[in-house]
């Protein structure tokens, strides 16, 4: 695997998508910083992540 990107970010919001999954969101609120990284990632229910938690996002090419 080749690591493409890794960064840490604070979860801003956890959305209830349906009975099976939630969506973790971290977005640049201003969209003025071209270097800002943000994400929306669906994850299965049962996680322990809450708004304000910090997470590490890793992107790897298989």
PDB file of N, CA and C in Angstrom:
ATOM      1  N   UNK A   1       0.843  -1.185   0.000  1.00  0.00           N
ATOM      2  CA  UNK A   1       0.000   0.000   0.000  1.00  0.00           C
ATOM      3  C   UNK A   1       0.884   1.243   0.000  1.00  0.00           C
ATOM      4  N   UNK A   2       0.403   2.255  -0.661  1.00  0.00           N
ATOM      5  CA  UNK A   2       1.106   3.527  -0.713  1.00  0.00           C
ATOM      6  C   UNK A   2       0.279   4.583   0.018  1.00  0.00           C
ATOM      7  N   UNK A   3       0.871   5.183   1.066  1.00  0.00           N
ATOM      8  CA  UNK A   3       0.155   6.222   1.799  1.00  0.00           C
ATOM      9  C   UNK A   3       0.132   7.486   0.955  1.00  0.00           C
ATOM     10  N   UNK A   4      -1.055   8.023   0.736  1.00  0.00           N
ATOM     11  CA  UNK A   4      -1.258   9.229  -0.046  1.00  0.00           C
ATOM     12  C   UNK A   4      -1.353  10.453   0.854  1.00  0.00           C
ATOM     13  N   UNK A   5      -2.086  10.307   1.954  1.00  0.00           N
ATOM     14  CA  UNK A   5      -2.368  11.445   2.828  1.00  0.00           C
ATOM     15  C   UNK A   5      -2.715  10.953   4.215  1.00  0.00           C
ATOM     16  N   UNK A   6      -2.311  11.708   5.222  1.00  0.00           N
ATOM     17  CA  UNK A   6      -2.725  11.439   6.601  1.00  0.00           C
ATOM     18  C   UNK A   6      -2.838  12.785   7.307  1.00  0.00           C
ATOM     19  N   UNK A   7      -3.984  13.023   7.967  1.00  0.00           N
ATOM     20  CA  UNK A   7      -4.144  14.258   8.728  1.00  0.00           C
ATOM     21  C   UNK A   7      -5.098  14.023   9.898  1.00  0.00           C
ATOM     22  N   UNK A   8      -4.986  14.885  10.907  1.00  0.00           N
ATOM     23  CA  UNK A   8      -5.883  14.839  12.054  1.00  0.00           C
ATOM     24  C   UNK A   8      -6.886  15.972  11.936  1.00  0.00           C
ATOM     25  N   UNK A   9      -8.102  15.707  12.430  1.00  0.00           N
ATOM     26  CA  UNK A   9      -9.151  16.709  12.358  1.00  0.00           C
ATOM     27  C   UNK A   9     -10.156  16.484  13.471  1.00  0.00           C
ATOM     28  N   UNK A  10     -10.856  17.541  13.830  1.00  0.00           N
ATOM     29  CA  UNK A  10     -11.925  17.445  14.825  1.00  0.00           C
ATOM     30  C   UNK A  10     -13.242  17.149  14.117  1.00  0.00           C
ATOM     31  N   UNK A  11     -13.995  16.211  14.672  1.00  0.00           N
ATOM     32  CA  UNK A  11     -15.329  15.914  14.136  1.00  0.00           C
ATOM     33  C   UNK A  11     -16.246  17.076  14.506  1.00  0.00           C
ATOM     34  N   UNK A  12     -16.843  17.689  13.509  1.00  0.00           N
ATOM     35  CA  UNK A  12     -17.756  18.802  13.763  1.00  0.00           C
ATOM     36  C   UNK A  12     -19.191  18.337  13.978  1.00  0.00           C
ATOM     37  N   UNK A  13     -19.564  17.246  13.313  1.00  0.00           N
ATOM     38  CA  UNK A  13     -20.962  16.818  13.360  1.00  0.00           C
ATOM     39  C   UNK A  13     -21.046  15.340  13.036  1.00  0.00           C
ATOM     40  N   UNK A  14     -21.929  14.630  13.723  1.00  0.00           N
ATOM     41  CA  UNK A  14     -22.219  13.229  13.412  1.00  0.00           C
ATOM     42  C   UNK A  14     -23.682  13.169  12.985  1.00  0.00           C
ATOM     43  N   UNK A  15     -23.914  12.837  11.724  1.00  0.00           N
ATOM     44  CA  UNK A  15     -25.275  12.802  11.178  1.00  0.00           C
ATOM     45  C   UNK A  15     -25.835  11.388  11.229  1.00  0.00           C
ATOM     46  N   UNK A  16     -27.094  11.283  11.597  1.00  0.00           N
ATOM     47  CA  UNK A  16     -27.824  10.015  11.602  1.00  0.00           C
ATOM     48  C   UNK A  16     -28.371   9.798  10.187  1.00  0.00           C
ATOM     49  N   UNK A  17     -27.741   8.898   9.422  1.00  0.00           N
ATOM     50  CA  UNK A  17     -28.144   8.665   8.030  1.00  0.00           C
ATOM     51  C   UNK A  17     -29.356   7.740   7.960  1.00  0.00           C
ATOM     52  N   UNK A  18     -29.240   6.580   8.577  1.00  0.00           N
ATOM     53  CA  UNK A  18     -30.356   5.629   8.618  1.00  0.00           C
ATOM     54  C   UNK A  18     -30.117   4.659   9.777  1.00  0.00           C
ATOM     55  N   UNK A  19     -30.837   3.558   9.825  1.00  0.00           N
ATOM     56  CA  UNK A  19     -30.704   2.625  10.946  1.00  0.00           C
ATOM     57  C   UNK A  19     -29.381   1.859  10.941  1.00  0.00           C
ATOM     58  N   UNK A  20     -28.631   1.929   9.845  1.00  0.00           N
ATOM     59  CA  UNK A  20     -27.392   1.164   9.719  1.00  0.00           C
ATOM     60  C   UNK A  20     -26.113   1.998   9.809  1.00  0.00           C
ATOM     61  N   UNK A  21     -26.193   3.294   9.465  1.00  0.00           N
ATOM     62  CA  UNK A  21     -24.961   4.071   9.420  1.00  0.00           C
ATOM     63  C   UNK A  21     -25.167   5.527   9.830  1.00  0.00           C
ATOM     64  N   UNK A  22     -24.043   6.136  10.217  1.00  0.00           N
ATOM     65  CA  UNK A  22     -23.947   7.559  10.508  1.00  0.00           C
ATOM     66  C   UNK A  22     -22.920   8.160   9.564  1.00  0.00           C
ATOM     67  N   UNK A  23     -22.827   9.478   9.540  1.00  0.00           N
ATOM     68  CA  UNK A  23     -21.839  10.165   8.715  1.00  0.00           C
ATOM     69  C   UNK A  23     -21.027  11.099   9.604  1.00  0.00           C
ATOM     70  N   UNK A  24     -19.704  10.917   9.602  1.00  0.00           N
ATOM     71  CA  UNK A  24     -18.800  11.798  10.327  1.00  0.00           C
ATOM     72  C   UNK A  24     -18.452  12.966   9.419  1.00  0.00           C
ATOM     73  N   UNK A  25     -18.550  14.186   9.933  1.00  0.00           N
ATOM     74  CA  UNK A  25     -18.307  15.354   9.099  1.00  0.00           C
ATOM     75  C   UNK A  25     -17.299  16.290   9.744  1.00  0.00           C
ATOM     76  N   UNK A  26     -16.399  16.770   8.921  1.00  0.00           N
ATOM     77  CA  UNK A  26     -15.451  17.805   9.304  1.00  0.00           C
ATOM     78  C   UNK A  26     -15.248  18.667   8.073  1.00  0.00           C
ATOM     79  N   UNK A  27     -15.710  19.910   8.131  1.00  0.00           N
ATOM     80  CA  UNK A  27     -15.646  20.780   6.958  1.00  0.00           C
ATOM     81  C   UNK A  27     -15.027  22.114   7.320  1.00  0.00           C
ATOM     82  N   UNK A  28     -14.357  22.709   6.342  1.00  0.00           N
ATOM     83  CA  UNK A  28     -13.832  24.049   6.503  1.00  0.00           C
ATOM     84  C   UNK A  28     -15.024  25.000   6.439  1.00  0.00           C
ATOM     85  N   UNK A  29     -15.358  25.674   7.537  1.00  0.00           N
ATOM     86  CA  UNK A  29     -16.567  26.496   7.551  1.00  0.00           C
ATOM     87  C   UNK A  29     -16.479  27.740   6.667  1.00  0.00           C
ATOM     88  N   UNK A  30     -15.282  28.166   6.332  1.00  0.00           N
ATOM     89  CA  UNK A  30     -15.164  29.397   5.561  1.00  0.00           C
ATOM     90  C   UNK A  30     -14.941  29.144   4.086  1.00  0.00           C
ATOM     91  N   UNK A  31     -14.373  27.994   3.729  1.00  0.00           N
ATOM     92  CA  UNK A  31     -14.020  27.673   2.351  1.00  0.00           C
ATOM     93  C   UNK A  31     -13.046  28.698   1.763  1.00  0.00           C
ATOM     94  N   UNK A  32     -12.437  29.523   2.618  1.00  0.00           N
ATOM     95  CA  UNK A  32     -11.496  30.538   2.149  1.00  0.00           C
ATOM     96  C   UNK A  32     -10.052  30.051   2.155  1.00  0.00           C
ATOM     97  N   UNK A  33      -9.781  28.972   2.861  1.00  0.00           N
ATOM     98  CA  UNK A  33      -8.417  28.457   2.949  1.00  0.00           C
ATOM     99  C   UNK A  33      -8.261  27.325   1.935  1.00  0.00           C
ATOM    100  N   UNK A  34      -7.535  27.550   0.845  1.00  0.00           N
ATOM    101  CA  UNK A  34      -7.403  26.505  -0.175  1.00  0.00           C
ATOM    102  C   UNK A  34      -6.634  25.283   0.312  1.00  0.00           C
ATOM    103  N   UNK A  35      -5.933  25.385   1.442  1.00  0.00           N
ATOM    104  CA  UNK A  35      -5.188  24.252   1.986  1.00  0.00           C
ATOM    105  C   UNK A  35      -5.988  23.444   3.000  1.00  0.00           C
ATOM    106  N   UNK A  36      -7.184  23.898   3.338  1.00  0.00           N
ATOM    107  CA  UNK A  36      -7.992  23.194   4.336  1.00  0.00           C
ATOM    108  C   UNK A  36      -8.463  21.848   3.786  1.00  0.00           C
ATOM    109  N   UNK A  37      -8.394  20.819   4.614  1.00  0.00           N
ATOM    110  CA  UNK A  37      -8.878  19.489   4.241  1.00  0.00           C
ATOM    111  C   UNK A  37     -10.119  19.170   5.066  1.00  0.00           C
ATOM    112  N   UNK A  38     -11.119  18.598   4.423  1.00  0.00           N
ATOM    113  CA  UNK A  38     -12.328  18.220   5.142  1.00  0.00           C
ATOM    114  C   UNK A  38     -12.873  16.920   4.574  1.00  0.00           C
ATOM    115  N   UNK A  39     -13.840  16.326   5.283  1.00  0.00           N
ATOM    116  CA  UNK A  39     -14.364  15.034   4.848  1.00  0.00           C
ATOM    117  C   UNK A  39     -15.779  14.803   5.357  1.00  0.00           C
ATOM    118  N   UNK A  40     -16.476  13.928   4.685  1.00  0.00           N
ATOM    119  CA  UNK A  40     -17.754  13.333   5.110  1.00  0.00           C
ATOM    120  C   UNK A  40     -17.577  11.840   4.886  1.00  0.00           C
ATOM    121  N   UNK A  41     -17.622  11.054   5.947  1.00  0.00           N
ATOM    122  CA  UNK A  41     -17.385   9.617   5.838  1.00  0.00           C
ATOM    123  C   UNK A  41     -18.528   8.863   6.523  1.00  0.00           C
ATOM    124  N   UNK A  42     -19.183   7.980   5.787  1.00  0.00           N
ATOM    125  CA  UNK A  42     -20.204   7.113   6.383  1.00  0.00           C
ATOM    126  C   UNK A  42     -19.524   5.987   7.133  1.00  0.00           C
ATOM    127  N   UNK A  43     -20.020   5.697   8.345  1.00  0.00           N
ATOM    128  CA  UNK A  43     -19.510   4.584   9.144  1.00  0.00           C
ATOM    129  C   UNK A  43     -20.690   3.822   9.740  1.00  0.00           C
ATOM    130  N   UNK A  44     -20.503   2.524  10.013  1.00  0.00           N
ATOM    131  CA  UNK A  44     -21.582   1.742  10.609  1.00  0.00           C
ATOM    132  C   UNK A  44     -21.943   2.254  12.002  1.00  0.00           C
ATOM    133  N   UNK A  45     -23.212   2.117  12.353  1.00  0.00           N
ATOM    134  CA  UNK A  45     -23.660   2.465  13.710  1.00  0.00           C
ATOM    135  C   UNK A  45     -22.913   1.598  14.723  1.00  0.00           C
ATOM    136  N   UNK A  46     -22.883   2.042  15.964  1.00  0.00           N
ATOM    137  CA  UNK A  46     -22.214   1.297  17.014  1.00  0.00           C
ATOM    138  C   UNK A  46     -20.862   1.889  17.371  1.00  0.00           C
ATOM    139  N   UNK A  47     -20.455   2.931  16.658  1.00  0.00           N
ATOM    140  CA  UNK A  47     -19.185   3.605  16.949  1.00  0.00           C
ATOM    141  C   UNK A  47     -19.336   4.426  18.236  1.00  0.00           C
ATOM    142  N   UNK A  48     -18.225   4.960  18.715  1.00  0.00           N
ATOM    143  CA  UNK A  48     -18.267   5.772  19.941  1.00  0.00           C
ATOM    144  C   UNK A  48     -17.854   7.216  19.664  1.00  0.00           C
ATOM    145  N   UNK A  49     -17.850   7.622  18.406  1.00  0.00           N
ATOM    146  CA  UNK A  49     -17.383   8.950  18.020  1.00  0.00           C
ATOM    147  C   UNK A  49     -18.484   9.987  18.216  1.00  0.00           C
ATOM    148  N   UNK A  50     -18.075  11.129  18.782  1.00  0.00           N
ATOM    149  CA  UNK A  50     -19.001  12.232  19.038  1.00  0.00           C
ATOM    150  C   UNK A  50     -18.411  13.529  18.483  1.00  0.00           C
ATOM    151  N   UNK A  51     -19.244  14.524  18.261  1.00  0.00           N
ATOM    152  CA  UNK A  51     -18.764  15.838  17.843  1.00  0.00           C
ATOM    153  C   UNK A  51     -17.744  16.330  18.859  1.00  0.00           C
ATOM    154  N   UNK A  52     -16.642  16.889  18.363  1.00  0.00           N
ATOM    155  CA  UNK A  52     -15.574  17.366  19.231  1.00  0.00           C
ATOM    156  C   UNK A  52     -14.418  16.388  19.357  1.00  0.00           C
ATOM    157  N   UNK A  53     -14.667  15.103  19.074  1.00  0.00           N
ATOM    158  CA  UNK A  53     -13.585  14.113  19.102  1.00  0.00           C
ATOM    159  C   UNK A  53     -12.611  14.406  17.969  1.00  0.00           C
ATOM    160  N   UNK A  54     -11.343  14.086  18.189  1.00  0.00           N
ATOM    161  CA  UNK A  54     -10.332  14.200  17.135  1.00  0.00           C
ATOM    162  C   UNK A  54     -10.097  12.815  16.532  1.00  0.00           C
ATOM    163  N   UNK A  55      -9.956  12.790  15.218  1.00  0.00           N
ATOM    164  CA  UNK A  55      -9.702  11.537  14.500  1.00  0.00           C
ATOM    165  C   UNK A  55      -8.541  11.734  13.538  1.00  0.00           C
ATOM    166  N   UNK A  56      -7.947  10.638  13.139  1.00  0.00           N
ATOM    167  CA  UNK A  56      -6.904  10.659  12.114  1.00  0.00           C
ATOM    168  C   UNK A  56      -7.473  10.013  10.856  1.00  0.00           C
ATOM    169  N   UNK A  57      -7.325  10.700   9.738  1.00  0.00           N
ATOM    170  CA  UNK A  57      -7.789  10.208   8.449  1.00  0.00           C
ATOM    171  C   UNK A  57      -6.562   9.793   7.642  1.00  0.00           C
ATOM    172  N   UNK A  58      -6.556   8.558   7.164  1.00  0.00           N
ATOM    173  CA  UNK A  58      -5.448   8.052   6.353  1.00  0.00           C
ATOM    174  C   UNK A  58      -6.009   7.563   5.028  1.00  0.00           C
ATOM    175  N   UNK A  59      -5.405   8.003   3.931  1.00  0.00           N
ATOM    176  CA  UNK A  59      -5.774   7.563   2.601  1.00  0.00           C
ATOM    177  C   UNK A  59      -4.606   6.769   2.043  1.00  0.00           C
ATOM    178  N   UNK A  60      -4.874   5.529   1.641  1.00  0.00           N
ATOM    179  CA  UNK A  60      -3.838   4.674   1.067  1.00  0.00           C
ATOM    180  C   UNK A  60      -4.335   4.090  -0.246  1.00  0.00           C
ATOM    181  N   UNK A  61      -3.453   4.006  -1.190  1.00  0.00           N
ATOM    182  CA  UNK A  61      -3.789   3.356  -2.464  1.00  0.00           C
ATOM    183  C   UNK A  61      -3.376   1.899  -2.361  1.00  0.00           C
ATOM    184  N   UNK A  62      -4.313   1.005  -2.672  1.00  0.00           N
ATOM    185  CA  UNK A  62      -4.045  -0.422  -2.591  1.00  0.00           C
ATOM    186  C   UNK A  62      -3.409  -0.931  -3.868  1.00  0.00           C
TER     187      UNK A  62
END
